[in-house]
Amino acid sequence: MATDYDEVRPDVAEARKASLEAVKSANAPDARSVSRELDESDTSDGVELPGADLSSEELTVTVVPQKEDEFLCGSCFLIRHRSQLAREKNGVGFCLECEG
């Protein structure tokens, strides 16, 4: 007798039916209540609005210079280790991912 391996097994079919019933019976919020909750949280303190004056803010970034065993990929412009160098053309290196 031939076996149809594509047919859904009975235990899997029952699990699907049970999970669907669980989703249907869950106490899910309606779209209006979710929208109201989002509107309330959007106006809370600490939220930066578009166009806010950030001129008094200061950005501090630590710059680490490129090491001798690293190169800048000419395609993705990421700093890579020399072990990832796929080829070099006219002094510009290309990484293994970009040369894929």
PDB file of N, CA and C in Angstrom:
ATOM      1  N   MET A   1       0.832  -1.174   0.000  1.00  0.00           N
ATOM      2  CA  MET A   1       0.000   0.000   0.000  1.00  0.00           C
ATOM      3  C   MET A   1       0.883   1.246   0.000  1.00  0.00           C
ATOM      4  N   ALA A   2       0.608   2.185  -0.876  1.00  0.00           N
ATOM      5  CA  ALA A   2       1.398   3.410  -0.984  1.00  0.00           C
ATOM      6  C   ALA A   2       1.026   4.382   0.135  1.00  0.00           C
ATOM      7  N   THR A   3       2.023   5.132   0.601  1.00  0.00           N
ATOM      8  CA  THR A   3       1.806   6.113   1.666  1.00  0.00           C
ATOM      9  C   THR A   3       1.946   7.505   1.084  1.00  0.00           C
ATOM     10  N   ASP A   4       0.982   8.346   1.352  1.00  0.00           N
ATOM     11  CA  ASP A   4       1.031   9.733   0.892  1.00  0.00           C
ATOM     12  C   ASP A   4       1.691  10.570   1.984  1.00  0.00           C
ATOM     13  N   TYR A   5       2.959  10.926   1.773  1.00  0.00           N
ATOM     14  CA  TYR A   5       3.700  11.673   2.775  1.00  0.00           C
ATOM     15  C   TYR A   5       3.310  13.148   2.814  1.00  0.00           C
ATOM     16  N   ASP A   6       2.601  13.648   1.812  1.00  0.00           N
ATOM     17  CA  ASP A   6       2.164  15.037   1.787  1.00  0.00           C
ATOM     18  C   ASP A   6       0.881  15.267   2.579  1.00  0.00           C
ATOM     19  N   GLU A   7       0.169  14.208   2.904  1.00  0.00           N
ATOM     20  CA  GLU A   7      -1.086  14.334   3.642  1.00  0.00           C
ATOM     21  C   GLU A   7      -0.806  14.794   5.076  1.00  0.00           C
ATOM     22  N   VAL A   8      -1.629  15.683   5.589  1.00  0.00           N
ATOM     23  CA  VAL A   8      -1.464  16.203   6.942  1.00  0.00           C
ATOM     24  C   VAL A   8      -1.769  15.095   7.933  1.00  0.00           C
ATOM     25  N   ARG A   9      -0.859  14.910   8.889  1.00  0.00           N
ATOM     26  CA  ARG A   9      -1.070  13.879   9.907  1.00  0.00           C
ATOM     27  C   ARG A   9      -2.224  14.291  10.810  1.00  0.00           C
ATOM     28  N   PRO A  10      -2.974  13.345  11.346  1.00  0.00           N
ATOM     29  CA  PRO A  10      -4.135  13.661  12.182  1.00  0.00           C
ATOM     30  C   PRO A  10      -3.770  14.496  13.411  1.00  0.00           C
ATOM     31  N   ASP A  11      -2.631  14.210  14.052  1.00  0.00           N
ATOM     32  CA  ASP A  11      -2.269  14.967  15.248  1.00  0.00           C
ATOM     33  C   ASP A  11      -1.932  16.422  14.914  1.00  0.00           C
ATOM     34  N   VAL A  12      -1.360  16.659  13.741  1.00  0.00           N
ATOM     35  CA  VAL A  12      -1.052  18.018  13.313  1.00  0.00           C
ATOM     36  C   VAL A  12      -2.338  18.764  12.980  1.00  0.00           C
ATOM     37  N   ALA A  13      -3.275  18.089  12.330  1.00  0.00           N
ATOM     38  CA  ALA A  13      -4.551  18.712  11.982  1.00  0.00           C
ATOM     39  C   ALA A  13      -5.313  19.095  13.241  1.00  0.00           C
ATOM     40  N   GLU A  14      -5.295  18.238  14.261  1.00  0.00           N
ATOM     41  CA  GLU A  14      -5.974  18.548  15.517  1.00  0.00           C
ATOM     42  C   GLU A  14      -5.310  19.731  16.218  1.00  0.00           C
ATOM     43  N   ALA A  15      -3.989  19.780  16.186  1.00  0.00           N
ATOM     44  CA  ALA A  15      -3.275  20.885  16.827  1.00  0.00           C
ATOM     45  C   ALA A  15      -3.602  22.201  16.135  1.00  0.00           C
ATOM     46  N   ARG A  16      -3.690  22.190  14.803  1.00  0.00           N
ATOM     47  CA  ARG A  16      -4.047  23.402  14.067  1.00  0.00           C
ATOM     48  C   ARG A  16      -5.448  23.873  14.438  1.00  0.00           C
ATOM     49  N   LYS A  17      -6.371  22.913  14.520  1.00  0.00           N
ATOM     50  CA  LYS A  17      -7.752  23.252  14.855  1.00  0.00           C
ATOM     51  C   LYS A  17      -7.835  23.801  16.273  1.00  0.00           C
ATOM     52  N   ALA A  18      -7.115  23.206  17.210  1.00  0.00           N
ATOM     53  CA  ALA A  18      -7.122  23.660  18.597  1.00  0.00           C
ATOM     54  C   ALA A  18      -6.519  25.048  18.728  1.00  0.00           C
ATOM     55  N   SER A  19      -5.424  25.311  18.001  1.00  0.00           N
ATOM     56  CA  SER A  19      -4.800  26.631  18.092  1.00  0.00           C
ATOM     57  C   SER A  19      -5.681  27.695  17.449  1.00  0.00           C
ATOM     58  N   LEU A  20      -6.396  27.355  16.387  1.00  0.00           N
ATOM     59  CA  LEU A  20      -7.307  28.299  15.753  1.00  0.00           C
ATOM     60  C   LEU A  20      -8.454  28.634  16.694  1.00  0.00           C
ATOM     61  N   GLU A  21      -8.976  27.609  17.384  1.00  0.00           N
ATOM     62  CA  GLU A  21     -10.047  27.849  18.345  1.00  0.00           C
ATOM     63  C   GLU A  21      -9.557  28.705  19.505  1.00  0.00           C
ATOM     64  N   ALA A  22      -8.321  28.514  19.922  1.00  0.00           N
ATOM     65  CA  ALA A  22      -7.761  29.309  21.013  1.00  0.00           C
ATOM     66  C   ALA A  22      -7.638  30.773  20.606  1.00  0.00           C
ATOM     67  N   VAL A  23      -7.231  31.017  19.376  1.00  0.00           N
ATOM     68  CA  VAL A  23      -7.113  32.391  18.885  1.00  0.00           C
ATOM     69  C   VAL A  23      -8.484  33.045  18.802  1.00  0.00           C
ATOM     70  N   LYS A  24      -9.468  32.289  18.314  1.00  0.00           N
ATOM     71  CA  LYS A  24     -10.820  32.840  18.193  1.00  0.00           C
ATOM     72  C   LYS A  24     -11.412  33.165  19.556  1.00  0.00           C
ATOM     73  N   SER A  25     -11.132  32.333  20.549  1.00  0.00           N
ATOM     74  CA  SER A  25     -11.724  32.541  21.863  1.00  0.00           C
ATOM     75  C   SER A  25     -10.924  33.507  22.727  1.00  0.00           C
ATOM     76  N   ALA A  26      -9.729  33.904  22.294  1.00  0.00           N
ATOM     77  CA  ALA A  26      -8.904  34.827  23.080  1.00  0.00           C
ATOM     78  C   ALA A  26      -9.580  36.183  23.179  1.00  0.00           C
ATOM     79  N   ASN A  27      -9.323  36.855  24.261  1.00  0.00           N
ATOM     80  CA  ASN A  27      -9.916  38.168  24.501  1.00  0.00           C
ATOM     81  C   ASN A  27      -9.042  39.218  23.813  1.00  0.00           C
ATOM     82  N   ALA A  28      -9.135  39.320  22.507  1.00  0.00           N
ATOM     83  CA  ALA A  28      -8.317  40.239  21.728  1.00  0.00           C
ATOM     84  C   ALA A  28      -8.958  41.627  21.708  1.00  0.00           C
ATOM     85  N   PRO A  29      -8.142  42.682  21.825  1.00  0.00           N
ATOM     86  CA  PRO A  29      -8.689  44.034  21.783  1.00  0.00           C
ATOM     87  C   PRO A  29      -9.131  44.402  20.370  1.00  0.00           C
ATOM     88  N   ASP A  30     -10.104  45.284  20.282  1.00  0.00           N
ATOM     89  CA  ASP A  30     -10.537  45.726  18.957  1.00  0.00           C
ATOM     90  C   ASP A  30      -9.639  46.869  18.487  1.00  0.00           C
ATOM     91  N   ALA A  31      -9.748  47.219  17.230  1.00  0.00           N
ATOM     92  CA  ALA A  31      -8.866  48.211  16.622  1.00  0.00           C
ATOM     93  C   ALA A  31      -9.009  49.586  17.262  1.00  0.00           C
ATOM     94  N   ARG A  32     -10.214  49.961  17.678  1.00  0.00           N
ATOM     95  CA  ARG A  32     -10.431  51.280  18.269  1.00  0.00           C
ATOM     96  C   ARG A  32      -9.714  51.431  19.607  1.00  0.00           C
ATOM     97  N   SER A  33      -9.744  50.379  20.430  1.00  0.00           N
ATOM     98  CA  SER A  33      -9.094  50.476  21.737  1.00  0.00           C
ATOM     99  C   SER A  33      -7.578  50.549  21.581  1.00  0.00           C
ATOM    100  N   VAL A  34      -7.042  49.822  20.626  1.00  0.00           N
ATOM    101  CA  VAL A  34      -5.601  49.880  20.383  1.00  0.00           C
ATOM    102  C   VAL A  34      -5.222  51.273  19.904  1.00  0.00           C
ATOM    103  N   SER A  35      -6.023  51.860  19.030  1.00  0.00           N
ATOM    104  CA  SER A  35      -5.750  53.195  18.522  1.00  0.00           C
ATOM    105  C   SER A  35      -5.785  54.214  19.657  1.00  0.00           C
ATOM    106  N   ARG A  36      -6.758  54.099  20.556  1.00  0.00           N
ATOM    107  CA  ARG A  36      -6.846  55.011  21.697  1.00  0.00           C
ATOM    108  C   ARG A  36      -5.631  54.880  22.592  1.00  0.00           C
ATOM    109  N   GLU A  37      -5.180  53.648  22.851  1.00  0.00           N
ATOM    110  CA  GLU A  37      -4.010  53.431  23.694  1.00  0.00           C
ATOM    111  C   GLU A  37      -2.762  54.040  23.070  1.00  0.00           C
ATOM    112  N   LEU A  38      -2.608  53.904  21.763  1.00  0.00           N
ATOM    113  CA  LEU A  38      -1.458  54.487  21.090  1.00  0.00           C
ATOM    114  C   LEU A  38      -1.492  56.002  21.152  1.00  0.00           C
ATOM    115  N   ASP A  39      -2.670  56.593  20.968  1.00  0.00           N
ATOM    116  CA  ASP A  39      -2.794  58.046  21.031  1.00  0.00           C
ATOM    117  C   ASP A  39      -2.434  58.560  22.416  1.00  0.00           C
ATOM    118  N   GLU A  40      -2.847  57.863  23.461  1.00  0.00           N
ATOM    119  CA  GLU A  40      -2.540  58.277  24.820  1.00  0.00           C
ATOM    120  C   GLU A  40      -1.050  58.194  25.102  1.00  0.00           C
ATOM    121  N   SER A  41      -0.396  57.150  24.623  1.00  0.00           N
ATOM    122  CA  SER A  41       1.031  56.981  24.890  1.00  0.00           C
ATOM    123  C   SER A  41       1.875  57.934  24.050  1.00  0.00           C
ATOM    124  N   ASP A  42       1.379  58.376  22.917  1.00  0.00           N
ATOM    125  CA  ASP A  42       2.145  59.296  22.075  1.00  0.00           C
ATOM    126  C   ASP A  42       2.288  60.669  22.704  1.00  0.00           C
ATOM    127  N   THR A  43       1.359  61.071  23.518  1.00  0.00           N
ATOM    128  CA  THR A  43       1.407  62.408  24.104  1.00  0.00           C
ATOM    129  C   THR A  43       2.069  62.428  25.476  1.00  0.00           C
ATOM    130  N   SER A  44       2.634  61.305  25.909  1.00  0.00           N
ATOM    131  CA  SER A  44       3.270  61.266  27.224  1.00  0.00           C
ATOM    132  C   SER A  44       4.572  62.059  27.203  1.00  0.00           C
ATOM    133  N   ASP A  45       5.032  62.440  28.392  1.00  0.00           N
ATOM    134  CA  ASP A  45       6.280  63.207  28.502  1.00  0.00           C
ATOM    135  C   ASP A  45       7.466  62.359  28.062  1.00  0.00           C
ATOM    136  N   GLY A  46       8.500  63.009  27.584  1.00  0.00           N
ATOM    137  CA  GLY A  46       9.705  62.314  27.172  1.00  0.00           C
ATOM    138  C   GLY A  46       9.725  61.929  25.707  1.00  0.00           C
ATOM    139  N   VAL A  47       8.709  62.271  24.967  1.00  0.00           N
ATOM    140  CA  VAL A  47       8.660  61.944  23.552  1.00  0.00           C
ATOM    141  C   VAL A  47       9.115  63.171  22.771  1.00  0.00           C
ATOM    142  N   GLU A  48      10.126  62.977  21.921  1.00  0.00           N
ATOM    143  CA  GLU A  48      10.606  64.077  21.094  1.00  0.00           C
ATOM    144  C   GLU A  48       9.718  64.218  19.872  1.00  0.00           C
ATOM    145  N   LEU A  49       9.213  65.391  19.644  1.00  0.00           N
ATOM    146  CA  LEU A  49       8.357  65.632  18.493  1.00  0.00           C
ATOM    147  C   LEU A  49       9.197  66.049  17.297  1.00  0.00           C
ATOM    148  N   PRO A  50       8.746  65.776  16.085  1.00  0.00           N
ATOM    149  CA  PRO A  50       9.477  66.198  14.896  1.00  0.00           C
ATOM    150  C   PRO A  50       9.615  67.718  14.874  1.00  0.00           C
ATOM    151  N   GLY A  51      10.785  68.190  14.515  1.00  0.00           N
ATOM    152  CA  GLY A  51      11.021  69.627  14.449  1.00  0.00           C
ATOM    153  C   GLY A  51      11.404  70.218  15.793  1.00  0.00           C
ATOM    154  N   ALA A  52      11.632  69.388  16.807  1.00  0.00           N
ATOM    155  CA  ALA A  52      12.011  69.896  18.126  1.00  0.00           C
ATOM    156  C   ALA A  52      13.400  70.514  18.062  1.00  0.00           C
ATOM    157  N   ASP A  53      13.640  71.525  18.897  1.00  0.00           N
ATOM    158  CA  ASP A  53      14.920  72.214  18.931  1.00  0.00           C
ATOM    159  C   ASP A  53      15.932  71.368  19.705  1.00  0.00           C
ATOM    160  N   LEU A  54      16.905  70.820  19.021  1.00  0.00           N
ATOM    161  CA  LEU A  54      17.931  69.993  19.643  1.00  0.00           C
ATOM    162  C   LEU A  54      19.287  70.686  19.634  1.00  0.00           C
ATOM    163  N   SER A  55      19.299  72.010  19.462  1.00  0.00           N
ATOM    164  CA  SER A  55      20.559  72.742  19.352  1.00  0.00           C
ATOM    165  C   SER A  55      21.358  72.723  20.649  1.00  0.00           C
ATOM    166  N   SER A  56      20.711  72.521  21.775  1.00  0.00           N
ATOM    167  CA  SER A  56      21.435  72.495  23.044  1.00  0.00           C
ATOM    168  C   SER A  56      22.017  71.113  23.343  1.00  0.00           C
ATOM    169  N   GLU A  57      21.648  70.115  22.571  1.00  0.00           N
ATOM    170  CA  GLU A  57      22.149  68.759  22.789  1.00  0.00           C
ATOM    171  C   GLU A  57      23.557  68.621  22.222  1.00  0.00           C
ATOM    172  N   GLU A  58      24.374  67.799  22.876  1.00  0.00           N
ATOM    173  CA  GLU A  58      25.741  67.579  22.423  1.00  0.00           C
ATOM    174  C   GLU A  58      25.936  66.091  22.166  1.00  0.00           C
ATOM    175  N   LEU A  59      26.507  65.773  21.022  1.00  0.00           N
ATOM    176  CA  LEU A  59      26.749  64.391  20.646  1.00  0.00           C
ATOM    177  C   LEU A  59      28.221  64.070  20.864  1.00  0.00           C
ATOM    178  N   THR A  60      28.484  63.016  21.621  1.00  0.00           N
ATOM    179  CA  THR A  60      29.854  62.620  21.896  1.00  0.00           C
ATOM    180  C   THR A  60      30.109  61.274  21.235  1.00  0.00           C
ATOM    181  N   VAL A  61      31.109  61.231  20.355  1.00  0.00           N
ATOM    182  CA  VAL A  61      31.454  60.011  19.631  1.00  0.00           C
ATOM    183  C   VAL A  61      32.944  59.769  19.781  1.00  0.00           C
ATOM    184  N   THR A  62      33.305  58.548  20.117  1.00  0.00           N
ATOM    185  CA  THR A  62      34.708  58.183  20.197  1.00  0.00           C
ATOM    186  C   THR A  62      35.126  57.610  18.851  1.00  0.00           C
ATOM    187  N   VAL A  63      36.123  58.210  18.236  1.00  0.00           N
ATOM    188  CA  VAL A  63      36.604  57.765  16.933  1.00  0.00           C
ATOM    189  C   VAL A  63      37.826  56.883  17.141  1.00  0.00           C
ATOM    190  N   VAL A  64      37.753  55.666  16.614  1.00  0.00           N
ATOM    191  CA  VAL A  64      38.863  54.727  16.706  1.00  0.00           C
ATOM    192  C   VAL A  64      39.522  54.674  15.337  1.00  0.00           C
ATOM    193  N   PRO A  65      40.804  55.000  15.249  1.00  0.00           N
ATOM    194  CA  PRO A  65      41.464  54.993  13.930  1.00  0.00           C
ATOM    195  C   PRO A  65      41.588  53.576  13.372  1.00  0.00           C
ATOM    196  N   GLN A  66      41.670  53.514  12.054  1.00  0.00           N
ATOM    197  CA  GLN A  66      41.794  52.228  11.355  1.00  0.00           C
ATOM    198  C   GLN A  66      43.125  51.595  11.710  1.00  0.00           C
ATOM    199  N   LYS A  67      43.108  50.287  12.012  1.00  0.00           N
ATOM    200  CA  LYS A  67      44.326  49.575  12.385  1.00  0.00           C
ATOM    201  C   LYS A  67      45.060  49.122  11.130  1.00  0.00           C
ATOM    202  N   GLU A  68      46.305  48.710  11.314  1.00  0.00           N
ATOM    203  CA  GLU A  68      47.120  48.281  10.175  1.00  0.00           C
ATOM    204  C   GLU A  68      46.595  47.014   9.517  1.00  0.00           C
ATOM    205  N   ASP A  69      45.898  46.158  10.286  1.00  0.00           N
ATOM    206  CA  ASP A  69      45.399  44.904   9.719  1.00  0.00           C
ATOM    207  C   ASP A  69      43.950  45.033   9.259  1.00  0.00           C
ATOM    208  N   GLU A  70      43.481  46.255   9.012  1.00  0.00           N
ATOM    209  CA  GLU A  70      42.123  46.502   8.542  1.00  0.00           C
ATOM    210  C   GLU A  70      42.152  47.268   7.230  1.00  0.00           C
ATOM    211  N   PHE A  71      41.048  47.195   6.498  1.00  0.00           N
ATOM    212  CA  PHE A  71      40.922  47.950   5.260  1.00  0.00           C
ATOM    213  C   PHE A  71      39.493  48.443   5.127  1.00  0.00           C
ATOM    214  N   LEU A  72      39.293  49.456   4.314  1.00  0.00           N
ATOM    215  CA  LEU A  72      37.967  49.998   4.042  1.00  0.00           C
ATOM    216  C   LEU A  72      37.481  49.408   2.727  1.00  0.00           C
ATOM    217  N   CYS A  73      36.345  48.708   2.771  1.00  0.00           N
ATOM    218  CA  CYS A  73      35.801  48.113   1.555  1.00  0.00           C
ATOM    219  C   CYS A  73      35.311  49.227   0.637  1.00  0.00           C
ATOM    220  N   GLY A  74      35.687  49.158  -0.623  1.00  0.00           N
ATOM    221  CA  GLY A  74      35.307  50.169  -1.592  1.00  0.00           C
ATOM    222  C   GLY A  74      33.876  50.042  -2.076  1.00  0.00           C
ATOM    223  N   SER A  75      33.178  48.984  -1.673  1.00  0.00           N
ATOM    224  CA  SER A  75      31.804  48.778  -2.098  1.00  0.00           C
ATOM    225  C   SER A  75      30.809  49.077  -0.970  1.00  0.00           C
ATOM    226  N   CYS A  76      30.980  48.436   0.191  1.00  0.00           N
ATOM    227  CA  CYS A  76      30.034  48.633   1.298  1.00  0.00           C
ATOM    228  C   CYS A  76      30.526  49.686   2.289  1.00  0.00           C
ATOM    229  N   PHE A  77      31.770  50.133   2.154  1.00  0.00           N
ATOM    230  CA  PHE A  77      32.377  51.180   2.977  1.00  0.00           C
ATOM    231  C   PHE A  77      32.413  50.826   4.460  1.00  0.00           C
ATOM    232  N   LEU A  78      32.585  49.536   4.747  1.00  0.00           N
ATOM    233  CA  LEU A  78      32.757  49.081   6.114  1.00  0.00           C
ATOM    234  C   LEU A  78      34.217  48.754   6.357  1.00  0.00           C
ATOM    235  N   ILE A  79      34.672  48.950   7.592  1.00  0.00           N
ATOM    236  CA  ILE A  79      36.029  48.579   7.957  1.00  0.00           C
ATOM    237  C   ILE A  79      36.043  47.074   8.183  1.00  0.00           C
ATOM    238  N   ARG A  80      36.918  46.382   7.469  1.00  0.00           N
ATOM    239  CA  ARG A  80      37.005  44.922   7.548  1.00  0.00           C
ATOM    240  C   ARG A  80      38.422  44.510   7.922  1.00  0.00           C
ATOM    241  N   HIS A  81      38.564  43.298   8.455  1.00  0.00           N
ATOM    242  CA  HIS A  81      39.871  42.737   8.752  1.00  0.00           C
ATOM    243  C   HIS A  81      40.512  42.263   7.448  1.00  0.00           C
ATOM    244  N   ARG A  82      41.825  42.279   7.388  1.00  0.00           N
ATOM    245  CA  ARG A  82      42.544  41.883   6.165  1.00  0.00           C
ATOM    246  C   ARG A  82      42.194  40.467   5.715  1.00  0.00           C
ATOM    247  N   SER A  83      41.778  39.614   6.650  1.00  0.00           N
ATOM    248  CA  SER A  83      41.426  38.238   6.279  1.00  0.00           C
ATOM    249  C   SER A  83      40.179  38.191   5.406  1.00  0.00           C
ATOM    250  N   GLN A  84      39.410  39.285   5.354  1.00  0.00           N
ATOM    251  CA  GLN A  84      38.192  39.337   4.542  1.00  0.00           C
ATOM    252  C   GLN A  84      38.417  40.036   3.210  1.00  0.00           C
ATOM    253  N   LEU A  85      39.655  40.331   2.880  1.00  0.00           N
ATOM    254  CA  LEU A  85      39.981  40.989   1.618  1.00  0.00           C
ATOM    255  C   LEU A  85      39.862  40.003   0.465  1.00  0.00           C
ATOM    256  N   ALA A  86      38.963  40.267  -0.480  1.00  0.00           N
ATOM    257  CA  ALA A  86      38.765  39.390  -1.631  1.00  0.00           C
ATOM    258  C   ALA A  86      39.671  39.796  -2.777  1.00  0.00           C
ATOM    259  N   ARG A  87      39.716  41.083  -3.058  1.00  0.00           N
ATOM    260  CA  ARG A  87      40.594  41.586  -4.126  1.00  0.00           C
ATOM    261  C   ARG A  87      40.899  43.050  -3.877  1.00  0.00           C
ATOM    262  N   GLU A  88      41.928  43.507  -4.547  1.00  0.00           N
ATOM    263  CA  GLU A  88      42.325  44.905  -4.438  1.00  0.00           C
ATOM    264  C   GLU A  88      42.569  45.431  -5.846  1.00  0.00           C
ATOM    265  N   LYS A  89      41.953  46.566  -6.150  1.00  0.00           N
ATOM    266  CA  LYS A  89      42.082  47.146  -7.481  1.00  0.00           C
ATOM    267  C   LYS A  89      42.357  48.640  -7.332  1.00  0.00           C
ATOM    268  N   ASN A  90      43.458  49.087  -7.906  1.00  0.00           N
ATOM    269  CA  ASN A  90      43.873  50.494  -7.862  1.00  0.00           C
ATOM    270  C   ASN A  90      43.953  51.009  -6.429  1.00  0.00           C
ATOM    271  N   GLY A  91      44.432  50.171  -5.512  1.00  0.00           N
ATOM    272  CA  GLY A  91      44.593  50.571  -4.120  1.00  0.00           C
ATOM    273  C   GLY A  91      43.318  50.529  -3.299  1.00  0.00           C
ATOM    274  N   VAL A  92      42.214  50.096  -3.885  1.00  0.00           N
ATOM    275  CA  VAL A  92      40.938  50.000  -3.171  1.00  0.00           C
ATOM    276  C   VAL A  92      40.629  48.530  -2.938  1.00  0.00           C
ATOM    277  N   GLY A  93      40.376  48.168  -1.665  1.00  0.00           N
ATOM    278  CA  GLY A  93      40.079  46.788  -1.313  1.00  0.00           C
ATOM    279  C   GLY A  93      38.583  46.511  -1.351  1.00  0.00           C
ATOM    280  N   PHE A  94      38.242  45.259  -1.646  1.00  0.00           N
ATOM    281  CA  PHE A  94      36.840  44.815  -1.670  1.00  0.00           C
ATOM    282  C   PHE A  94      36.732  43.569  -0.815  1.00  0.00           C
ATOM    283  N   CYS A  95      35.715  43.516   0.040  1.00  0.00           N
ATOM    284  CA  CYS A  95      35.557  42.405   0.979  1.00  0.00           C
ATOM    285  C   CYS A  95      34.936  41.179   0.313  1.00  0.00           C
ATOM    286  N   LEU A  96      35.002  40.063   1.014  1.00  0.00           N
ATOM    287  CA  LEU A  96      34.466  38.798   0.505  1.00  0.00           C
ATOM    288  C   LEU A  96      32.956  38.861   0.301  1.00  0.00           C
ATOM    289  N   GLU A  97      32.247  39.541   1.197  1.00  0.00           N
ATOM    290  CA  GLU A  97      30.787  39.624   1.063  1.00  0.00           C
ATOM    291  C   GLU A  97      30.359  40.387  -0.183  1.00  0.00           C
ATOM    292  N   CYS A  98      31.056  41.457  -0.493  1.00  0.00           N
ATOM    293  CA  CYS A  98      30.692  42.252  -1.669  1.00  0.00           C
ATOM    294  C   CYS A  98      31.083  41.551  -2.970  1.00  0.00           C
ATOM    295  N   GLU A  99      32.137  40.786  -2.912  1.00  0.00           N
ATOM    296  CA  GLU A  99      32.593  40.087  -4.116  1.00  0.00           C
ATOM    297  C   GLU A  99      31.845  38.778  -4.306  1.00  0.00           C
ATOM    298  N   GLY A 100      31.156  38.311  -3.229  1.00  0.00           N
ATOM    299  CA  GLY A 100      30.336  37.110  -3.163  1.00  0.00           C
ATOM    300  C   GLY A 100      30.349  36.294  -4.344  1.00  0.00           C
TER     301      GLY A 100
END
